[in-house]
Amino acid sequence: MISTLAGAQTPATNLEQVAEFGKHQPIGVAVSGQGRIFVTFPKKKANYDYGLAEIVDGQRRPYPNAEWNQWDSTKAATRFVNVQSVFVDQTDALWVLDPANPDDEAPLVPGVKLLKINLASNKVERVYRFEDLPRERTGLNDVRVDPTRQVAYLTDPKLAALIVLDLRTGKSRVVLQGHKSTAAAPDFVLRIDGKEVKDKNGKPFSSNANGLALTHDFTYVYYRAINQTKLYRIATEQLLNTALGGAALAAQVETVGETGISHGMLADSQGNIYLTDSPNKAIRRVTPAGRFETLVRDPRLLWPDSFGLGPDGYLYVTAAQIHRTPKWNNGEDKVAYPFRLYRLKLPK
């Protein structure tokens, strides 16, 4: 058990705009060791052209090429359906997660996949298809990769679980399903700007296991659901121990502390865990000593969703404005366009 987290005074904002995307909603972001920036855009009925783009001189370019980004539901195996998460591992390989669930309400289509892309050649090296997961109940959300052990860790809000993927065999395991650390708290309603985030039928926004971070030494996975206030972690040694199941594995879960609401997460090489905070329009972090710090509060951080860490010492963050989209406002579009990507210089 890590000690109770302490608060910290909020510094003056030093949030910088990196790019703006018009009505194209950004979700995932990753930055390579060479400083290349990649952003994902979910499939929508309108205002959609690329699922994954590289940001060059502030402009979006389809990545790895135009063909992968050309929408065609009949070619879901070799086209992006609904790209969610993107991550650059320590070998500078780009990992792209496509859970294939456009608009969340559309009929399920084939095409769930995780791509490994070689950034030197800009070629797709391998595609993992999760054929051993139940398609009708699968909704993968985030991914982190340990190239030394050849394993990927993913969150699945639909299953309320973590997924451990063996990158050598392509086989996956569902772990901690329905555990208090992977499940939304009962009756927990997200509130932003004094308003409950609910759809036209009064159904609240809810997400089980969502945010995910893997420490740089690959020792711990940090994770959490959006609809609760605690942060959890578990040693990767325990997750990889196939002899542990059910209650035995659950007993290895540690409660890090109360962190409030958070969506996206990321670890840096110093052992800090960064967390987004939509109700407070903030970016926070948990230090290796267990201290809870607020790095910035800024009114532009409208549903800060995902992080990417650049070699320049900047933390990049997307502002997805999910709570301002028509679905959560009785059909009214309250998004403050254009959508934007920001960055924050991290303190040393």
Protein backbone atom coordinates (compact mmCIF):
# COMPACT_ATOMS: atom_id res chain seq x y z
CA MET A 1 0.00 0.00 0.00
CA ILE A 2 1.40 3.36 -0.99
CA SER A 3 1.04 6.22 1.46
CA THR A 4 -1.80 8.72 1.16
CA LEU A 5 -1.23 11.14 -1.68
CA ALA A 6 -0.61 14.76 -0.83
CA GLY A 7 -1.88 17.74 -2.80
CA ALA A 8 0.29 20.44 -4.36
CA GLN A 9 -0.16 24.06 -5.30
CA THR A 10 -1.16 24.56 -8.91
CA PRO A 11 1.52 26.33 -10.97
CA ALA A 12 0.80 29.03 -13.52
CA THR A 13 -0.30 27.48 -16.80
CA ASN A 14 2.35 26.90 -19.44
CA LEU A 15 0.21 24.86 -21.78
CA GLU A 16 1.16 25.35 -25.44
CA GLN A 17 -0.96 24.60 -28.50
CA VAL A 18 0.72 22.23 -30.94
CA ALA A 19 -1.94 21.75 -33.62
CA GLU A 20 -5.64 22.18 -34.30
CA PHE A 21 -7.86 19.76 -36.18
CA GLY A 22 -11.07 21.54 -37.10
CA LYS A 23 -13.99 19.17 -36.42
CA HIS A 24 -11.80 16.05 -36.41
CA GLN A 25 -11.84 14.74 -32.84
CA PRO A 26 -8.41 13.63 -31.47
CA ILE A 27 -8.19 10.78 -28.98
CA GLY A 28 -4.83 8.99 -28.80
CA VAL A 29 -1.41 10.60 -29.13
CA ALA A 30 2.14 9.24 -29.16
CA VAL A 31 5.54 10.81 -29.81
CA SER A 32 8.52 8.87 -31.15
CA GLY A 33 12.14 9.09 -30.05
CA GLN A 34 12.73 11.28 -33.09
CA GLY A 35 9.96 13.66 -32.11
CA ARG A 36 7.40 12.46 -34.65
CA ILE A 37 3.83 13.02 -33.46
CA PHE A 38 0.97 10.60 -34.14
CA VAL A 39 -2.71 11.22 -33.32
CA THR A 40 -5.75 8.94 -33.62
CA PHE A 41 -9.23 10.04 -34.69
CA PRO A 42 -12.30 7.83 -34.01
CA LYS A 43 -14.61 6.86 -36.86
CA LYS A 44 -17.65 9.14 -36.93
CA LYS A 45 -20.59 9.49 -39.30
CA ALA A 46 -19.40 13.01 -40.09
CA ASN A 47 -16.09 14.88 -39.95
CA TYR A 48 -13.92 11.84 -40.51
CA ASP A 49 -11.15 11.13 -42.99
CA TYR A 50 -8.15 9.52 -41.23
CA GLY A 51 -8.05 7.09 -38.33
CA LEU A 52 -4.35 7.70 -37.72
CA ALA A 53 -2.34 10.74 -38.76
CA GLU A 54 1.20 11.95 -38.38
CA ILE A 55 1.32 15.65 -37.52
CA VAL A 56 3.83 17.39 -39.76
CA ASP A 57 4.20 21.17 -39.56
CA GLY A 58 0.86 21.26 -37.75
CA GLN A 59 -0.93 19.38 -40.53
CA ARG A 60 -2.44 15.86 -40.51
CA ARG A 61 -1.02 13.29 -42.89
CA PRO A 62 -2.58 9.80 -43.13
CA TYR A 63 -0.30 7.20 -41.57
CA PRO A 64 1.20 4.74 -42.40
CA ASN A 65 -0.42 5.50 -45.76
CA ALA A 66 -3.70 6.58 -47.33
CA GLU A 67 -4.87 3.02 -48.03
CA TRP A 68 -4.91 1.97 -44.37
CA ASN A 69 -6.99 5.08 -43.67
CA GLN A 70 -9.49 4.60 -46.49
CA TRP A 71 -12.79 3.60 -44.87
CA ASP A 72 -14.17 0.31 -46.19
CA SER A 73 -16.04 -1.95 -43.77
CA THR A 74 -15.70 -4.86 -46.23
CA LYS A 75 -11.91 -4.67 -45.89
CA ALA A 76 -11.73 -4.30 -42.12
CA ALA A 77 -8.76 -6.68 -41.86
CA THR A 78 -6.50 -4.30 -43.77
CA ARG A 79 -8.16 -0.94 -43.08
CA PHE A 80 -8.63 1.11 -39.96
CA VAL A 81 -12.16 0.78 -38.56
CA ASN A 82 -12.01 2.91 -35.41
CA VAL A 83 -8.52 3.66 -34.14
CA GLN A 84 -8.40 4.30 -30.41
CA SER A 85 -4.95 4.16 -28.84
CA VAL A 86 -1.41 4.67 -30.10
CA PHE A 87 1.85 4.02 -28.26
CA VAL A 88 5.59 4.18 -29.01
CA ASP A 89 7.63 1.54 -27.18
CA GLN A 90 11.23 1.77 -26.05
CA THR A 91 12.51 0.34 -29.35
CA ASP A 92 10.70 3.21 -31.14
CA ALA A 93 8.10 0.91 -32.67
CA LEU A 94 4.60 2.35 -33.08
CA TRP A 95 1.66 0.32 -31.77
CA VAL A 96 -1.83 1.16 -33.05
CA LEU A 97 -4.96 -0.25 -31.40
CA ASP A 98 -8.14 -0.52 -33.48
CA PRO A 99 -11.03 -1.94 -31.39
CA ALA A 100 -13.32 -1.69 -34.45
CA ASN A 101 -16.35 -0.18 -32.71
CA PRO A 102 -17.23 3.01 -34.64
CA ASP A 103 -19.55 5.46 -32.86
CA ASP A 104 -19.91 2.91 -30.03
CA GLU A 105 -23.52 2.31 -31.05
CA ALA A 106 -22.94 0.89 -34.53
CA PRO A 107 -23.29 -2.86 -35.17
CA LEU A 108 -20.10 -4.70 -34.34
CA VAL A 109 -17.87 -5.29 -37.34
CA PRO A 110 -14.80 -7.49 -37.81
CA GLY A 111 -11.43 -5.86 -37.67
CA VAL A 112 -10.28 -5.75 -34.05
CA LYS A 113 -6.50 -5.47 -34.30
CA LEU A 114 -3.23 -4.23 -32.87
CA LEU A 115 -0.63 -3.11 -35.39
CA LYS A 116 3.12 -2.93 -34.93
CA ILE A 117 4.61 -0.35 -37.31
CA ASN A 118 8.31 0.11 -38.01
CA LEU A 119 8.90 3.87 -37.87
CA ALA A 120 12.14 3.62 -39.84
CA SER A 121 10.42 2.03 -42.84
CA ASN A 122 6.83 3.18 -42.11
CA LYS A 123 5.72 -0.40 -42.76
CA VAL A 124 3.30 -2.57 -40.81
CA GLU A 125 5.38 -5.44 -39.41
CA ARG A 126 2.68 -7.48 -37.69
CA VAL A 127 -1.04 -7.46 -36.96
CA TYR A 128 -2.58 -9.11 -33.88
CA ARG A 129 -6.30 -9.91 -34.21
CA PHE A 130 -7.48 -11.11 -30.75
CA GLU A 131 -9.45 -14.01 -32.22
CA ASP A 132 -9.46 -15.65 -28.77
CA LEU A 133 -11.51 -12.81 -27.23
CA PRO A 134 -15.34 -12.72 -27.34
CA ARG A 135 -16.07 -10.26 -30.14
CA GLU A 136 -19.56 -9.38 -28.93
CA ARG A 137 -18.24 -8.37 -25.51
CA THR A 138 -14.82 -6.94 -26.39
CA GLY A 139 -14.05 -3.21 -26.37
CA LEU A 140 -10.29 -2.72 -26.14
CA ASN A 141 -9.26 0.77 -25.13
CA ASP A 142 -5.59 1.31 -24.32
CA VAL A 143 -2.27 -0.49 -24.82
CA ARG A 144 1.27 -0.51 -23.43
CA VAL A 145 4.09 -2.75 -24.65
CA ASP A 146 7.09 -4.40 -23.04
CA PRO A 147 9.41 -5.32 -25.93
CA THR A 148 11.90 -7.06 -23.62
CA ARG A 149 9.39 -9.71 -22.58
CA GLN A 150 7.41 -9.46 -25.82
CA VAL A 151 4.12 -8.77 -24.08
CA ALA A 152 1.40 -6.14 -24.43
CA TYR A 153 -0.99 -5.02 -21.70
CA LEU A 154 -4.40 -3.66 -22.63
CA THR A 155 -7.53 -2.37 -20.89
CA ASP A 156 -10.97 -3.56 -21.91
CA PRO A 157 -13.84 -1.47 -20.47
CA LYS A 158 -16.51 -3.77 -21.90
CA LEU A 159 -15.03 -6.82 -20.22
CA ALA A 160 -14.04 -4.76 -17.14
CA ALA A 161 -10.65 -6.43 -17.32
CA LEU A 162 -7.01 -6.24 -18.27
CA ILE A 163 -5.75 -8.20 -21.26
CA VAL A 164 -2.27 -9.73 -21.42
CA LEU A 165 -1.16 -10.40 -24.99
CA ASP A 166 1.79 -12.66 -25.78
CA LEU A 167 3.42 -10.95 -28.76
CA ARG A 168 5.25 -14.11 -29.79
CA THR A 169 2.22 -16.38 -30.04
CA GLY A 170 -0.56 -13.81 -30.47
CA LYS A 171 -2.54 -15.44 -27.66
CA SER A 172 -4.25 -13.29 -25.05
CA ARG A 173 -5.48 -13.79 -21.49
CA VAL A 174 -8.29 -11.94 -19.69
CA VAL A 175 -7.31 -11.10 -16.11
CA LEU A 176 -8.87 -9.31 -13.12
CA GLN A 177 -12.26 -9.30 -14.83
CA GLY A 178 -14.87 -7.57 -12.69
CA HIS A 179 -12.42 -6.85 -9.88
CA LYS A 180 -12.97 -3.62 -7.94
CA SER A 181 -9.85 -2.20 -9.61
CA THR A 182 -11.16 -2.77 -13.14
CA ALA A 183 -14.85 -2.00 -12.57
CA ALA A 184 -16.68 1.31 -12.44
CA ALA A 185 -17.96 2.16 -8.99
CA PRO A 186 -21.72 1.47 -8.65
CA ASP A 187 -23.91 4.54 -9.22
CA PHE A 188 -20.86 6.75 -9.88
CA VAL A 189 -21.93 9.59 -12.19
CA LEU A 190 -19.32 11.74 -13.87
CA ARG A 191 -19.85 15.48 -13.37
CA ILE A 192 -18.07 18.17 -15.40
CA ASP A 193 -18.78 21.91 -15.18
CA GLY A 194 -21.50 21.17 -12.64
CA LYS A 195 -23.42 18.95 -15.07
CA GLU A 196 -23.90 15.20 -14.99
CA VAL A 197 -22.61 13.53 -18.16
CA LYS A 198 -25.72 11.65 -19.36
CA ASP A 199 -27.25 10.82 -22.73
CA LYS A 200 -30.74 11.80 -23.93
CA ASN A 201 -32.22 8.78 -22.16
CA GLY A 202 -30.64 9.75 -18.85
CA LYS A 203 -28.03 7.00 -19.04
CA PRO A 204 -24.77 8.22 -17.45
CA PHE A 205 -21.42 7.98 -19.18
CA SER A 206 -19.63 5.00 -17.71
CA SER A 207 -16.34 3.25 -18.31
CA ASN A 208 -14.66 0.37 -16.55
CA ALA A 209 -10.89 -0.25 -16.87
CA ASN A 210 -9.68 2.52 -19.15
CA GLY A 211 -6.44 4.38 -18.37
CA LEU A 212 -3.18 2.42 -18.41
CA ALA A 213 0.50 3.05 -17.69
CA LEU A 214 3.53 0.77 -17.75
CA THR A 215 6.64 1.80 -15.82
CA HIS A 216 9.81 2.16 -17.87
CA ASP A 217 11.46 -0.70 -16.04
CA PHE A 218 8.40 -2.82 -16.93
CA THR A 219 7.87 -3.66 -13.26
CA TYR A 220 4.36 -2.30 -12.71
CA VAL A 221 1.15 -1.74 -14.63
CA TYR A 222 -0.95 1.16 -13.31
CA TYR A 223 -4.60 1.26 -14.33
CA ARG A 224 -8.06 2.50 -13.37
CA ALA A 225 -11.66 2.89 -14.43
CA ILE A 226 -12.96 6.36 -15.29
CA ASN A 227 -16.04 6.05 -13.10
CA GLN A 228 -14.31 5.83 -9.74
CA THR A 229 -11.60 7.79 -7.92
CA LYS A 230 -8.84 5.32 -7.07
CA LEU A 231 -5.63 4.40 -8.88
CA TYR A 232 -4.37 0.81 -8.77
CA ARG A 233 -1.25 -1.06 -9.78
CA ILE A 234 -0.06 -4.63 -10.04
CA ALA A 235 3.40 -6.08 -10.58
CA THR A 236 3.91 -7.39 -14.10
CA GLU A 237 5.60 -10.44 -12.58
CA GLN A 238 2.22 -11.36 -11.13
CA LEU A 239 0.29 -10.63 -14.34
CA LEU A 240 2.65 -12.90 -16.26
CA ASN A 241 2.37 -15.73 -13.76
CA THR A 242 -0.13 -18.01 -15.46
CA ALA A 243 -0.34 -20.13 -12.32
CA LEU A 244 -2.10 -17.26 -10.57
CA GLY A 245 -5.79 -16.94 -11.27
CA GLY A 246 -8.91 -15.46 -9.79
CA ALA A 247 -8.53 -14.58 -6.13
CA ALA A 248 -4.79 -15.32 -6.06
CA LEU A 249 -4.09 -12.70 -8.72
CA ALA A 250 -6.58 -10.22 -7.26
CA ALA A 251 -4.70 -10.43 -3.95
CA GLN A 252 -1.67 -8.92 -5.71
CA VAL A 253 -3.47 -5.71 -6.66
CA GLU A 254 -2.26 -2.62 -4.78
CA THR A 255 -4.30 0.53 -4.15
CA VAL A 256 -2.08 3.49 -4.97
CA GLY A 257 -4.46 6.10 -3.58
CA GLU A 258 -7.27 8.54 -4.21
CA THR A 259 -6.58 10.51 -7.38
CA GLY A 260 -10.02 11.75 -8.44
CA ILE A 261 -11.33 11.30 -11.98
CA SER A 262 -8.86 10.41 -14.72
CA HIS A 263 -8.96 9.14 -18.30
CA GLY A 264 -5.51 8.89 -19.85
CA MET A 265 -2.30 7.83 -18.10
CA LEU A 266 1.39 7.57 -18.91
CA ALA A 267 4.64 6.77 -17.08
CA ASP A 268 7.96 8.53 -17.61
CA SER A 269 11.52 7.27 -17.15
CA GLN A 270 11.70 8.84 -13.67
CA GLY A 271 8.83 6.76 -12.36
CA ASN A 272 6.17 9.48 -12.42
CA ILE A 273 2.64 8.47 -13.43
CA TYR A 274 0.74 11.21 -15.28
CA LEU A 275 -3.06 11.40 -15.14
CA THR A 276 -5.57 13.54 -16.97
CA ASP A 277 -8.35 15.21 -14.95
CA SER A 278 -11.41 16.39 -16.87
CA PRO A 279 -13.55 17.81 -14.01
CA ASN A 280 -10.68 20.08 -12.92
CA LYS A 281 -9.31 20.66 -16.44
CA ALA A 282 -5.94 19.57 -15.17
CA ILE A 283 -2.92 17.34 -15.59
CA ARG A 284 -1.65 15.59 -12.48
CA ARG A 285 0.98 13.08 -11.56
CA VAL A 286 1.91 10.61 -8.86
CA THR A 287 5.62 10.73 -8.03
CA PRO A 288 7.69 7.66 -7.14
CA ALA A 289 7.50 8.84 -3.51
CA GLY A 290 3.68 8.70 -3.66
CA ARG A 291 3.12 12.43 -3.80
CA PHE A 292 0.10 13.64 -5.77
CA GLU A 293 0.93 16.80 -7.72
CA THR A 294 -1.07 19.07 -10.00
CA LEU A 295 1.13 20.21 -12.88
CA VAL A 296 -1.31 22.50 -14.64
CA ARG A 297 -4.91 23.65 -14.65
CA ASP A 298 -6.15 25.31 -17.81
CA PRO A 299 -9.68 25.98 -19.18
CA ARG A 300 -8.52 24.65 -22.56
CA LEU A 301 -8.12 21.15 -21.11
CA LEU A 302 -11.61 20.03 -22.12
CA TRP A 303 -11.66 16.28 -21.45
CA PRO A 304 -7.87 15.79 -21.68
CA ASP A 305 -7.79 12.26 -23.02
CA SER A 306 -4.40 10.79 -23.88
CA PHE A 307 -0.70 11.50 -23.35
CA GLY A 308 2.45 11.22 -25.42
CA LEU A 309 5.92 11.96 -24.07
CA GLY A 310 8.40 13.62 -26.39
CA PRO A 311 12.20 13.45 -26.37
CA ASP A 312 12.14 17.23 -25.91
CA GLY A 313 10.82 16.93 -22.34
CA TYR A 314 7.28 17.90 -23.32
CA LEU A 315 4.14 16.01 -22.36
CA TYR A 316 1.63 16.04 -25.23
CA VAL A 317 -2.11 15.78 -24.55
CA THR A 318 -5.27 15.64 -26.67
CA ALA A 319 -8.41 17.56 -25.71
CA ALA A 320 -11.25 15.30 -26.86
CA GLN A 321 -14.22 17.31 -25.48
CA ILE A 322 -16.28 14.11 -25.25
CA HIS A 323 -18.65 15.61 -22.69
CA ARG A 324 -19.49 18.45 -25.12
CA THR A 325 -20.48 16.23 -28.03
CA PRO A 326 -24.18 15.89 -29.00
CA LYS A 327 -24.55 12.44 -27.42
CA TRP A 328 -24.13 13.90 -23.93
CA ASN A 329 -26.07 17.14 -24.52
CA ASN A 330 -29.52 16.07 -25.77
CA GLY A 331 -28.33 16.19 -29.37
CA GLU A 332 -26.81 19.68 -29.12
CA ASP A 333 -23.21 20.13 -30.23
CA LYS A 334 -21.40 22.14 -27.54
CA VAL A 335 -17.86 21.46 -28.71
CA ALA A 336 -15.56 24.49 -28.75
CA TYR A 337 -14.02 24.05 -32.20
CA PRO A 338 -11.39 23.53 -33.39
CA PHE A 339 -10.25 20.41 -31.59
CA ARG A 340 -6.66 20.83 -30.41
CA LEU A 341 -3.47 19.10 -29.36
CA TYR A 342 -1.41 20.68 -26.55
CA ARG A 343 1.91 20.15 -24.86
CA LEU A 344 3.35 20.94 -21.44
CA LYS A 345 7.03 21.35 -20.55
CA LEU A 346 7.65 19.01 -17.66
CA PRO A 347 9.45 20.24 -14.53
CA LYS A 348 12.85 18.72 -13.95
